[in-house]
Amino acid sequence: MAGFFECIGRTPFGSLLAFIMVIVGAAVFCGTLYRALTLVIEGILVQLFGFTLAWLEIVQIMFVVIGVVMGVFTILLLVFAFLATGSTRQNIYSGAKCIMGGRISAGFFIFISYILSMAWIAISCIAMIPVLLYIATYGICEREIYSHTAQELTDMSYCFNLTRFGFYRSAEGQDPDSGSDRLCEHSELRTMCNRVTEAGPLFVVAFASAIIVLLGMIIFLICLAANYTRIKISKELTQYRDAVEMEDLDVNTHYDPQKGPPPYLISSRSSTS
């Protein structure tokens, strides 16, 4: 039972919670956003509207890089948190050089965590844009496409135009003969709405995952600041503990029940009285 409580005392629960939040959030964010963008870019823009977007491969590589970087960095933060918690901190950061190295490491991790937190704030704001576009497009599909039959749409000469959202083939440098800015066929309209309905929830999950990663990075910052303070004062605590142990050892060595306490204790007691 004592070993269990000792193990619990060495566990940085705050950093462990932040680690789980960042790892799971980053993995879900990269996976869902990758799938959602594939549905929108390849399934809608390329196949239905004839847009050719060469930067899709770059976006895919970027998601892989983000996942790997966040995974490696959070593992380093978790290892540092274990080293700076409980009795492990007393064993690792006991000397002056070790304490200085620990403070430098904590400061470095705080700086990197702050930069990544700012980056995830920006990512969260960017991830909100496709969510808003999904809400707008889903409303159009429900009111203008799903609620009408193919004959009704044909009679109304209904077409869905990308210019509603500011997408222009001329502005994107697309070949005007390879596609169109609008869809008028009922089958194509329903295909577009079906893929929007499939991709939209993925964008929402990606946005929520980005918020979870951001909260995890904030928890990491709080834990790192606390560990920095603990490492900073560990030298003074170690010196104080050693002084108390030496004083107790000195008293136990010189004290004899038959002879009485040592003279310096008698003088100190008489002066205090």
C-alpha atoms as a PDB file:
ATOM      1  CA  MET A   1       0.000   0.000   0.000  1.00  0.00           C
ATOM      2  CA  ALA A   2       2.877   2.371   0.758  1.00  0.00           C
ATOM      3  CA  GLY A   3       4.339   1.741  -2.678  1.00  0.00           C
ATOM      4  CA  PHE A   4       0.988   2.521  -4.249  1.00  0.00           C
ATOM      5  CA  PHE A   5       0.735   5.890  -2.516  1.00  0.00           C
ATOM      6  CA  GLU A   6       4.371   6.621  -3.400  1.00  0.00           C
ATOM      7  CA  CYS A   7       3.597   5.912  -7.057  1.00  0.00           C
ATOM      8  CA  ILE A   8       0.528   8.151  -6.852  1.00  0.00           C
ATOM      9  CA  GLY A   9       2.673  10.909  -5.362  1.00  0.00           C
ATOM     10  CA  ARG A  10       5.050  10.730  -8.325  1.00  0.00           C
ATOM     11  CA  THR A  11       2.282  10.973 -10.933  1.00  0.00           C
ATOM     12  CA  PRO A  12       1.697  14.440 -12.464  1.00  0.00           C
ATOM     13  CA  PHE A  13      -2.053  14.167 -12.950  1.00  0.00           C
ATOM     14  CA  GLY A  14      -2.379  17.662 -14.418  1.00  0.00           C
ATOM     15  CA  SER A  15       0.233  17.023 -17.099  1.00  0.00           C
ATOM     16  CA  LEU A  16      -1.162  13.535 -17.701  1.00  0.00           C
ATOM     17  CA  LEU A  17      -4.628  14.985 -18.318  1.00  0.00           C
ATOM     18  CA  ALA A  18      -3.167  17.623 -20.653  1.00  0.00           C
ATOM     19  CA  PHE A  19      -1.205  14.910 -22.493  1.00  0.00           C
ATOM     20  CA  ILE A  20      -4.353  12.870 -23.136  1.00  0.00           C
ATOM     21  CA  MET A  21      -6.283  15.957 -24.267  1.00  0.00           C
ATOM     22  CA  VAL A  22      -3.565  17.093 -26.684  1.00  0.00           C
ATOM     23  CA  ILE A  23      -2.829  13.650 -28.140  1.00  0.00           C
ATOM     24  CA  VAL A  24      -6.469  12.681 -28.642  1.00  0.00           C
ATOM     25  CA  GLY A  25      -7.475  16.166 -29.792  1.00  0.00           C
ATOM     26  CA  ALA A  26      -4.649  16.472 -32.326  1.00  0.00           C
ATOM     27  CA  ALA A  27      -5.284  12.980 -33.716  1.00  0.00           C
ATOM     28  CA  VAL A  28      -9.027  13.582 -34.096  1.00  0.00           C
ATOM     29  CA  PHE A  29      -8.426  17.058 -35.548  1.00  0.00           C
ATOM     30  CA  CYS A  30      -6.018  15.839 -38.215  1.00  0.00           C
ATOM     31  CA  GLY A  31      -8.095  12.788 -39.125  1.00  0.00           C
ATOM     32  CA  THR A  32     -11.498  14.464 -39.338  1.00  0.00           C
ATOM     33  CA  LEU A  33     -10.252  17.582 -41.108  1.00  0.00           C
ATOM     34  CA  TYR A  34      -8.307  15.498 -43.624  1.00  0.00           C
ATOM     35  CA  ARG A  35     -11.399  13.443 -44.439  1.00  0.00           C
ATOM     36  CA  ALA A  36     -13.702  16.483 -44.569  1.00  0.00           C
ATOM     37  CA  LEU A  37     -11.405  18.412 -46.894  1.00  0.00           C
ATOM     38  CA  THR A  38     -11.105  15.362 -49.137  1.00  0.00           C
ATOM     39  CA  LEU A  39     -14.893  15.208 -49.442  1.00  0.00           C
ATOM     40  CA  VAL A  40     -15.215  18.916 -50.174  1.00  0.00           C
ATOM     41  CA  ILE A  41     -12.219  19.415 -52.446  1.00  0.00           C
ATOM     42  CA  GLU A  42     -12.216  16.169 -54.402  1.00  0.00           C
ATOM     43  CA  GLY A  43     -15.866  15.170 -54.090  1.00  0.00           C
ATOM     44  CA  ILE A  44     -17.424  18.580 -54.715  1.00  0.00           C
ATOM     45  CA  LEU A  45     -14.995  21.107 -56.156  1.00  0.00           C
ATOM     46  CA  VAL A  46     -13.033  18.780 -58.438  1.00  0.00           C
ATOM     47  CA  GLN A  47     -15.685  16.269 -59.532  1.00  0.00           C
ATOM     48  CA  LEU A  48     -18.744  18.532 -59.697  1.00  0.00           C
ATOM     49  CA  PHE A  49     -17.384  22.013 -60.425  1.00  0.00           C
ATOM     50  CA  GLY A  50     -14.156  21.075 -62.201  1.00  0.00           C
ATOM     51  CA  PHE A  51     -11.818  22.939 -59.849  1.00  0.00           C
ATOM     52  CA  THR A  52      -8.246  21.623 -59.800  1.00  0.00           C
ATOM     53  CA  LEU A  53      -6.512  22.381 -56.498  1.00  0.00           C
ATOM     54  CA  ALA A  54      -2.852  21.388 -56.481  1.00  0.00           C
ATOM     55  CA  TRP A  55      -2.311  22.396 -52.851  1.00  0.00           C
ATOM     56  CA  LEU A  56      -4.355  19.448 -51.527  1.00  0.00           C
ATOM     57  CA  GLU A  57      -1.229  17.291 -51.227  1.00  0.00           C
ATOM     58  CA  ILE A  58       0.513  20.070 -49.284  1.00  0.00           C
ATOM     59  CA  VAL A  59      -2.438  20.265 -46.890  1.00  0.00           C
ATOM     60  CA  GLN A  60      -2.336  16.503 -46.362  1.00  0.00           C
ATOM     61  CA  ILE A  61       1.388  16.592 -45.556  1.00  0.00           C
ATOM     62  CA  MET A  62       0.808  19.536 -43.216  1.00  0.00           C
ATOM     63  CA  PHE A  63      -1.744  17.554 -41.203  1.00  0.00           C
ATOM     64  CA  VAL A  64       0.713  14.671 -40.821  1.00  0.00           C
ATOM     65  CA  VAL A  65       3.447  17.072 -39.683  1.00  0.00           C
ATOM     66  CA  ILE A  66       1.114  18.717 -37.144  1.00  0.00           C
ATOM     67  CA  GLY A  67       0.178  15.343 -35.677  1.00  0.00           C
ATOM     68  CA  VAL A  68       3.803  14.165 -35.397  1.00  0.00           C
ATOM     69  CA  VAL A  69       5.050  17.452 -33.896  1.00  0.00           C
ATOM     70  CA  MET A  70       2.296  17.601 -31.288  1.00  0.00           C
ATOM     71  CA  GLY A  71       2.804  13.942 -30.393  1.00  0.00           C
ATOM     72  CA  VAL A  72       6.573  14.251 -29.879  1.00  0.00           C
ATOM     73  CA  PHE A  73       6.310  17.533 -27.982  1.00  0.00           C
ATOM     74  CA  THR A  74       3.604  16.311 -25.604  1.00  0.00           C
ATOM     75  CA  ILE A  75       5.633  13.173 -24.838  1.00  0.00           C
ATOM     76  CA  LEU A  76       8.596  15.389 -23.905  1.00  0.00           C
ATOM     77  CA  LEU A  77       6.359  17.538 -21.713  1.00  0.00           C
ATOM     78  CA  LEU A  78       4.966  14.473 -19.954  1.00  0.00           C
ATOM     79  CA  VAL A  79       8.453  13.066 -19.289  1.00  0.00           C
ATOM     80  CA  PHE A  80       9.571  16.413 -17.875  1.00  0.00           C
ATOM     81  CA  ALA A  81       6.461  16.531 -15.679  1.00  0.00           C
ATOM     82  CA  PHE A  82       7.286  13.096 -14.218  1.00  0.00           C
ATOM     83  CA  LEU A  83      10.857  14.229 -13.509  1.00  0.00           C
ATOM     84  CA  ALA A  84       9.631  17.373 -11.743  1.00  0.00           C
ATOM     85  CA  THR A  85       6.991  15.722  -9.543  1.00  0.00           C
ATOM     86  CA  GLY A  86       7.249  14.341  -6.004  1.00  0.00           C
ATOM     87  CA  SER A  87      10.312  12.524  -4.744  1.00  0.00           C
ATOM     88  CA  THR A  88      11.605  12.153  -8.300  1.00  0.00           C
ATOM     89  CA  ARG A  89      12.224  15.905  -8.351  1.00  0.00           C
ATOM     90  CA  GLN A  90      14.245  15.626  -5.134  1.00  0.00           C
ATOM     91  CA  ASN A  91      16.425  12.892  -6.623  1.00  0.00           C
ATOM     92  CA  ILE A  92      16.922  14.472 -10.053  1.00  0.00           C
ATOM     93  CA  TYR A  93      17.141  18.181  -9.228  1.00  0.00           C
ATOM     94  CA  SER A  94      19.269  18.116  -6.086  1.00  0.00           C
ATOM     95  CA  GLY A  95      22.545  19.751  -7.167  1.00  0.00           C
ATOM     96  CA  ALA A  96      23.030  23.354  -8.237  1.00  0.00           C
ATOM     97  CA  LYS A  97      23.789  22.443 -11.871  1.00  0.00           C
ATOM     98  CA  CYS A  98      20.848  20.055 -12.049  1.00  0.00           C
ATOM     99  CA  ILE A  99      18.516  22.700 -10.649  1.00  0.00           C
ATOM    100  CA  MET A 100      19.774  25.265 -13.159  1.00  0.00           C
ATOM    101  CA  GLY A 101      19.328  22.768 -15.990  1.00  0.00           C
ATOM    102  CA  GLY A 102      15.818  22.009 -14.803  1.00  0.00           C
ATOM    103  CA  ARG A 103      14.926  25.704 -14.693  1.00  0.00           C
ATOM    104  CA  ILE A 104      16.292  26.240 -18.208  1.00  0.00           C
ATOM    105  CA  SER A 105      14.368  23.206 -19.488  1.00  0.00           C
ATOM    106  CA  ALA A 106      11.162  24.400 -17.836  1.00  0.00           C
ATOM    107  CA  GLY A 107      11.601  27.894 -19.282  1.00  0.00           C
ATOM    108  CA  PHE A 108      12.224  26.477 -22.756  1.00  0.00           C
ATOM    109  CA  PHE A 109       9.131  24.263 -22.590  1.00  0.00           C
ATOM    110  CA  ILE A 110       7.045  27.183 -21.323  1.00  0.00           C
ATOM    111  CA  PHE A 111       8.157  29.292 -24.286  1.00  0.00           C
ATOM    112  CA  ILE A 112       7.427  26.559 -26.850  1.00  0.00           C
ATOM    113  CA  SER A 113       4.076  25.771 -25.210  1.00  0.00           C
ATOM    114  CA  TYR A 114       3.133  29.439 -25.350  1.00  0.00           C
ATOM    115  CA  ILE A 115       3.968  29.623 -29.064  1.00  0.00           C
ATOM    116  CA  LEU A 116       1.981  26.450 -29.773  1.00  0.00           C
ATOM    117  CA  SER A 117      -0.955  27.769 -27.746  1.00  0.00           C
ATOM    118  CA  MET A 118      -1.019  30.911 -29.871  1.00  0.00           C
ATOM    119  CA  ALA A 119      -0.829  28.735 -32.989  1.00  0.00           C
ATOM    120  CA  TRP A 120      -3.787  26.620 -31.850  1.00  0.00           C
ATOM    121  CA  ILE A 121      -5.806  29.753 -31.147  1.00  0.00           C
ATOM    122  CA  ALA A 122      -5.262  30.708 -34.790  1.00  0.00           C
ATOM    123  CA  ILE A 123      -6.051  27.144 -35.928  1.00  0.00           C
ATOM    124  CA  SER A 124      -9.285  27.180 -33.910  1.00  0.00           C
ATOM    125  CA  CYS A 125     -10.340  30.448 -35.527  1.00  0.00           C
ATOM    126  CA  ILE A 126      -9.570  29.074 -38.997  1.00  0.00           C
ATOM    127  CA  ALA A 127     -11.412  25.820 -38.215  1.00  0.00           C
ATOM    128  CA  MET A 128     -14.523  27.852 -37.425  1.00  0.00           C
ATOM    129  CA  ILE A 129     -14.751  29.100 -41.039  1.00  0.00           C
ATOM    130  CA  PRO A 130     -15.747  25.742 -42.646  1.00  0.00           C
ATOM    131  CA  VAL A 131     -18.243  25.216 -39.808  1.00  0.00           C
ATOM    132  CA  LEU A 132     -19.977  28.476 -40.707  1.00  0.00           C
ATOM    133  CA  LEU A 133     -19.880  27.566 -44.408  1.00  0.00           C
ATOM    134  CA  TYR A 134     -21.376  24.177 -43.581  1.00  0.00           C
ATOM    135  CA  ILE A 135     -24.236  25.783 -41.644  1.00  0.00           C
ATOM    136  CA  ALA A 136     -24.977  28.144 -44.539  1.00  0.00           C
ATOM    137  CA  THR A 137     -24.768  25.421 -47.215  1.00  0.00           C
ATOM    138  CA  TYR A 138     -26.823  22.958 -45.183  1.00  0.00           C
ATOM    139  CA  GLY A 139     -29.580  25.554 -44.867  1.00  0.00           C
ATOM    140  CA  ILE A 140     -29.556  26.047 -48.639  1.00  0.00           C
ATOM    141  CA  CYS A 141     -29.749  22.296 -49.226  1.00  0.00           C
ATOM    142  CA  GLU A 142     -32.633  21.836 -46.788  1.00  0.00           C
ATOM    143  CA  ARG A 143     -34.721  24.747 -48.030  1.00  0.00           C
ATOM    144  CA  GLU A 144     -33.925  24.847 -51.745  1.00  0.00           C
ATOM    145  CA  ILE A 145     -32.888  21.341 -52.845  1.00  0.00           C
ATOM    146  CA  TYR A 146     -34.099  18.577 -50.501  1.00  0.00           C
ATOM    147  CA  SER A 147     -37.565  20.130 -50.211  1.00  0.00           C
ATOM    148  CA  HIS A 148     -38.161  20.120 -53.996  1.00  0.00           C
ATOM    149  CA  THR A 149     -38.397  17.392 -56.589  1.00  0.00           C
ATOM    150  CA  ALA A 150     -36.309  17.236 -59.748  1.00  0.00           C
ATOM    151  CA  GLN A 151     -39.211  18.500 -61.847  1.00  0.00           C
ATOM    152  CA  GLU A 152     -39.822  21.446 -59.536  1.00  0.00           C
ATOM    153  CA  LEU A 153     -36.159  22.464 -59.664  1.00  0.00           C
ATOM    154  CA  THR A 154     -36.217  22.171 -63.449  1.00  0.00           C
ATOM    155  CA  ASP A 155     -39.324  24.314 -63.691  1.00  0.00           C
ATOM    156  CA  MET A 156     -37.729  26.941 -61.449  1.00  0.00           C
ATOM    157  CA  SER A 157     -34.494  26.800 -63.482  1.00  0.00           C
ATOM    158  CA  TYR A 158     -32.712  26.481 -60.143  1.00  0.00           C
ATOM    159  CA  CYS A 159     -28.902  26.497 -60.046  1.00  0.00           C
ATOM    160  CA  PHE A 160     -26.474  26.488 -57.137  1.00  0.00           C
ATOM    161  CA  ASN A 161     -23.740  29.055 -57.749  1.00  0.00           C
ATOM    162  CA  LEU A 162     -20.347  29.078 -56.050  1.00  0.00           C
ATOM    163  CA  THR A 163     -20.190  32.847 -56.401  1.00  0.00           C
ATOM    164  CA  ARG A 164     -22.514  32.990 -53.381  1.00  0.00           C
ATOM    165  CA  PHE A 165     -19.491  32.116 -51.279  1.00  0.00           C
ATOM    166  CA  GLY A 166     -16.979  34.217 -53.192  1.00  0.00           C
ATOM    167  CA  PHE A 167     -15.486  31.426 -55.346  1.00  0.00           C
ATOM    168  CA  TYR A 168     -14.797  32.592 -58.904  1.00  0.00           C
ATOM    169  CA  ARG A 169     -13.084  30.451 -61.499  1.00  0.00           C
ATOM    170  CA  SER A 170     -11.401  33.496 -63.024  1.00  0.00           C
ATOM    171  CA  ALA A 171     -10.023  34.570 -59.652  1.00  0.00           C
ATOM    172  CA  GLU A 172      -8.719  31.059 -58.917  1.00  0.00           C
ATOM    173  CA  GLY A 173      -6.908  30.840 -62.264  1.00  0.00           C
ATOM    174  CA  GLN A 174      -9.078  27.947 -63.478  1.00  0.00           C
ATOM    175  CA  ASP A 175      -9.707  27.029 -67.102  1.00  0.00           C
ATOM    176  CA  PRO A 176     -13.203  28.365 -67.922  1.00  0.00           C
ATOM    177  CA  ASP A 177     -13.820  25.478 -70.341  1.00  0.00           C
ATOM    178  CA  SER A 178     -13.010  22.684 -67.848  1.00  0.00           C
ATOM    179  CA  GLY A 179     -15.905  23.283 -65.464  1.00  0.00           C
ATOM    180  CA  SER A 180     -18.561  25.670 -64.254  1.00  0.00           C
ATOM    181  CA  ASP A 181     -19.296  27.973 -61.327  1.00  0.00           C
ATOM    182  CA  ARG A 182     -22.773  26.520 -60.883  1.00  0.00           C
ATOM    183  CA  LEU A 183     -24.731  23.267 -60.730  1.00  0.00           C
ATOM    184  CA  CYS A 184     -28.186  22.926 -62.269  1.00  0.00           C
ATOM    185  CA  GLU A 185     -28.738  19.154 -62.613  1.00  0.00           C
ATOM    186  CA  HIS A 186     -30.845  17.665 -59.822  1.00  0.00           C
ATOM    187  CA  SER A 187     -28.571  14.638 -59.427  1.00  0.00           C
ATOM    188  CA  GLU A 188     -25.491  16.832 -59.106  1.00  0.00           C
ATOM    189  CA  LEU A 189     -27.237  19.106 -56.622  1.00  0.00           C
ATOM    190  CA  ARG A 190     -28.239  16.186 -54.414  1.00  0.00           C
ATOM    191  CA  THR A 191     -24.747  14.706 -54.668  1.00  0.00           C
ATOM    192  CA  MET A 192     -23.286  18.010 -53.526  1.00  0.00           C
ATOM    193  CA  CYS A 193     -25.710  18.263 -50.602  1.00  0.00           C
ATOM    194  CA  ASN A 194     -25.068  14.658 -49.578  1.00  0.00           C
ATOM    195  CA  ARG A 195     -21.327  15.283 -49.429  1.00  0.00           C
ATOM    196  CA  VAL A 196     -21.837  18.550 -47.562  1.00  0.00           C
ATOM    197  CA  THR A 197     -24.012  16.683 -45.054  1.00  0.00           C
ATOM    198  CA  GLU A 198     -21.269  14.084 -44.658  1.00  0.00           C
ATOM    199  CA  ALA A 199     -18.383  16.548 -44.386  1.00  0.00           C
ATOM    200  CA  GLY A 200     -20.101  19.136 -42.168  1.00  0.00           C
ATOM    201  CA  PRO A 201     -20.142  17.128 -38.917  1.00  0.00           C
ATOM    202  CA  LEU A 202     -16.478  16.289 -39.499  1.00  0.00           C
ATOM    203  CA  PHE A 203     -15.672  20.008 -39.613  1.00  0.00           C
ATOM    204  CA  VAL A 204     -17.589  20.485 -36.353  1.00  0.00           C
ATOM    205  CA  VAL A 205     -15.662  17.646 -34.694  1.00  0.00           C
ATOM    206  CA  ALA A 206     -12.375  19.096 -35.978  1.00  0.00           C
ATOM    207  CA  PHE A 207     -13.246  22.494 -34.505  1.00  0.00           C
ATOM    208  CA  ALA A 208     -14.130  20.926 -31.140  1.00  0.00           C
ATOM    209  CA  SER A 209     -10.870  18.930 -31.227  1.00  0.00           C
ATOM    210  CA  ALA A 210      -8.879  22.115 -31.835  1.00  0.00           C
ATOM    211  CA  ILE A 211     -10.511  23.660 -28.746  1.00  0.00           C
ATOM    212  CA  ILE A 212      -9.613  20.554 -26.712  1.00  0.00           C
ATOM    213  CA  VAL A 213      -5.983  20.766 -27.873  1.00  0.00           C
ATOM    214  CA  LEU A 214      -5.908  24.447 -26.930  1.00  0.00           C
ATOM    215  CA  LEU A 215      -7.246  23.684 -23.437  1.00  0.00           C
ATOM    216  CA  GLY A 216      -4.653  20.921 -23.078  1.00  0.00           C
ATOM    217  CA  MET A 217      -1.849  23.325 -23.997  1.00  0.00           C
ATOM    218  CA  ILE A 218      -3.140  25.828 -21.416  1.00  0.00           C
ATOM    219  CA  ILE A 219      -3.092  23.103 -18.741  1.00  0.00           C
ATOM    220  CA  PHE A 220       0.459  22.233 -19.800  1.00  0.00           C
ATOM    221  CA  LEU A 221       1.446  25.896 -19.380  1.00  0.00           C
ATOM    222  CA  ILE A 222      -0.009  25.982 -15.863  1.00  0.00           C
ATOM    223  CA  CYS A 223       1.779  22.760 -14.882  1.00  0.00           C
ATOM    224  CA  LEU A 224       5.070  23.943 -16.390  1.00  0.00           C
ATOM    225  CA  ALA A 225       4.882  27.220 -14.464  1.00  0.00           C
ATOM    226  CA  ALA A 226       4.255  25.282 -11.249  1.00  0.00           C
ATOM    227  CA  ASN A 227       7.143  22.895 -11.971  1.00  0.00           C
ATOM    228  CA  TYR A 228       9.446  25.828 -12.719  1.00  0.00           C
ATOM    229  CA  THR A 229       8.655  27.322  -9.309  1.00  0.00           C
ATOM    230  CA  ARG A 230       9.133  23.996  -7.521  1.00  0.00           C
ATOM    231  CA  ILE A 231      12.489  23.399  -9.179  1.00  0.00           C
ATOM    232  CA  LYS A 232      13.536  26.955  -8.371  1.00  0.00           C
ATOM    233  CA  ILE A 233      12.916  26.547  -4.642  1.00  0.00           C
ATOM    234  CA  SER A 234      14.067  22.916  -4.466  1.00  0.00           C
ATOM    235  CA  LYS A 235      17.646  24.013  -3.685  1.00  0.00           C
ATOM    236  CA  GLU A 236      16.543  26.036  -0.669  1.00  0.00           C
ATOM    237  CA  LEU A 237      14.292  23.226   0.507  1.00  0.00           C
ATOM    238  CA  THR A 238      17.099  20.698   0.122  1.00  0.00           C
ATOM    239  CA  GLN A 239      19.521  22.861   2.099  1.00  0.00           C
ATOM    240  CA  TYR A 240      16.949  23.443   4.825  1.00  0.00           C
ATOM    241  CA  ARG A 241      16.147  19.731   5.072  1.00  0.00           C
ATOM    242  CA  ASP A 242      19.849  18.838   5.273  1.00  0.00           C
ATOM    243  CA  ALA A 243      20.396  21.442   7.988  1.00  0.00           C
ATOM    244  CA  VAL A 244      17.509  20.081  10.051  1.00  0.00           C
ATOM    245  CA  GLU A 245      18.749  16.512   9.657  1.00  0.00           C
ATOM    246  CA  MET A 246      22.282  17.506  10.666  1.00  0.00           C
ATOM    247  CA  GLU A 247      20.983  19.338  13.733  1.00  0.00           C
ATOM    248  CA  ASP A 248      18.905  16.347  14.786  1.00  0.00           C
ATOM    249  CA  LEU A 249      21.878  14.050  14.221  1.00  0.00           C
ATOM    250  CA  ASP A 250      24.139  16.339  16.246  1.00  0.00           C
ATOM    251  CA  VAL A 251      21.671  16.457  19.133  1.00  0.00           C
ATOM    252  CA  ASN A 252      21.220  12.688  19.167  1.00  0.00           C
ATOM    253  CA  THR A 253      24.991  12.160  19.072  1.00  0.00           C
ATOM    254  CA  HIS A 254      25.885  14.449  21.978  1.00  0.00           C
ATOM    255  CA  TYR A 255      22.895  13.858  24.213  1.00  0.00           C
ATOM    256  CA  ASP A 256      23.425  11.394  27.129  1.00  0.00           C
ATOM    257  CA  PRO A 257      20.549  10.770  29.583  1.00  0.00           C
ATOM    258  CA  GLN A 258      22.977  10.384  32.538  1.00  0.00           C
ATOM    259  CA  LYS A 259      25.077  13.446  31.731  1.00  0.00           C
ATOM    260  CA  GLY A 260      22.245  15.616  30.529  1.00  0.00           C
ATOM    261  CA  PRO A 261      22.028  17.681  27.346  1.00  0.00           C
ATOM    262  CA  PRO A 262      25.086  19.353  25.824  1.00  0.00           C
ATOM    263  CA  PRO A 263      26.096  22.791  27.184  1.00  0.00           C
ATOM    264  CA  TYR A 264      24.999  24.737  24.085  1.00  0.00           C
ATOM    265  CA  LEU A 265      21.459  23.410  24.513  1.00  0.00           C
ATOM    266  CA  ILE A 266      21.461  24.407  28.208  1.00  0.00           C
ATOM    267  CA  SER A 267      22.640  27.920  27.357  1.00  0.00           C
ATOM    268  CA  SER A 268      20.088  28.254  24.557  1.00  0.00           C
ATOM    269  CA  ARG A 269      17.287  27.104  26.843  1.00  0.00           C
ATOM    270  CA  SER A 270      18.332  29.482  29.651  1.00  0.00           C
ATOM    271  CA  SER A 271      18.530  32.409  27.211  1.00  0.00           C
ATOM    272  CA  THR A 272      15.072  31.691  25.807  1.00  0.00           C
ATOM    273  CA  SER A 273      13.600  31.388  29.323  1.00  0.00           C
END
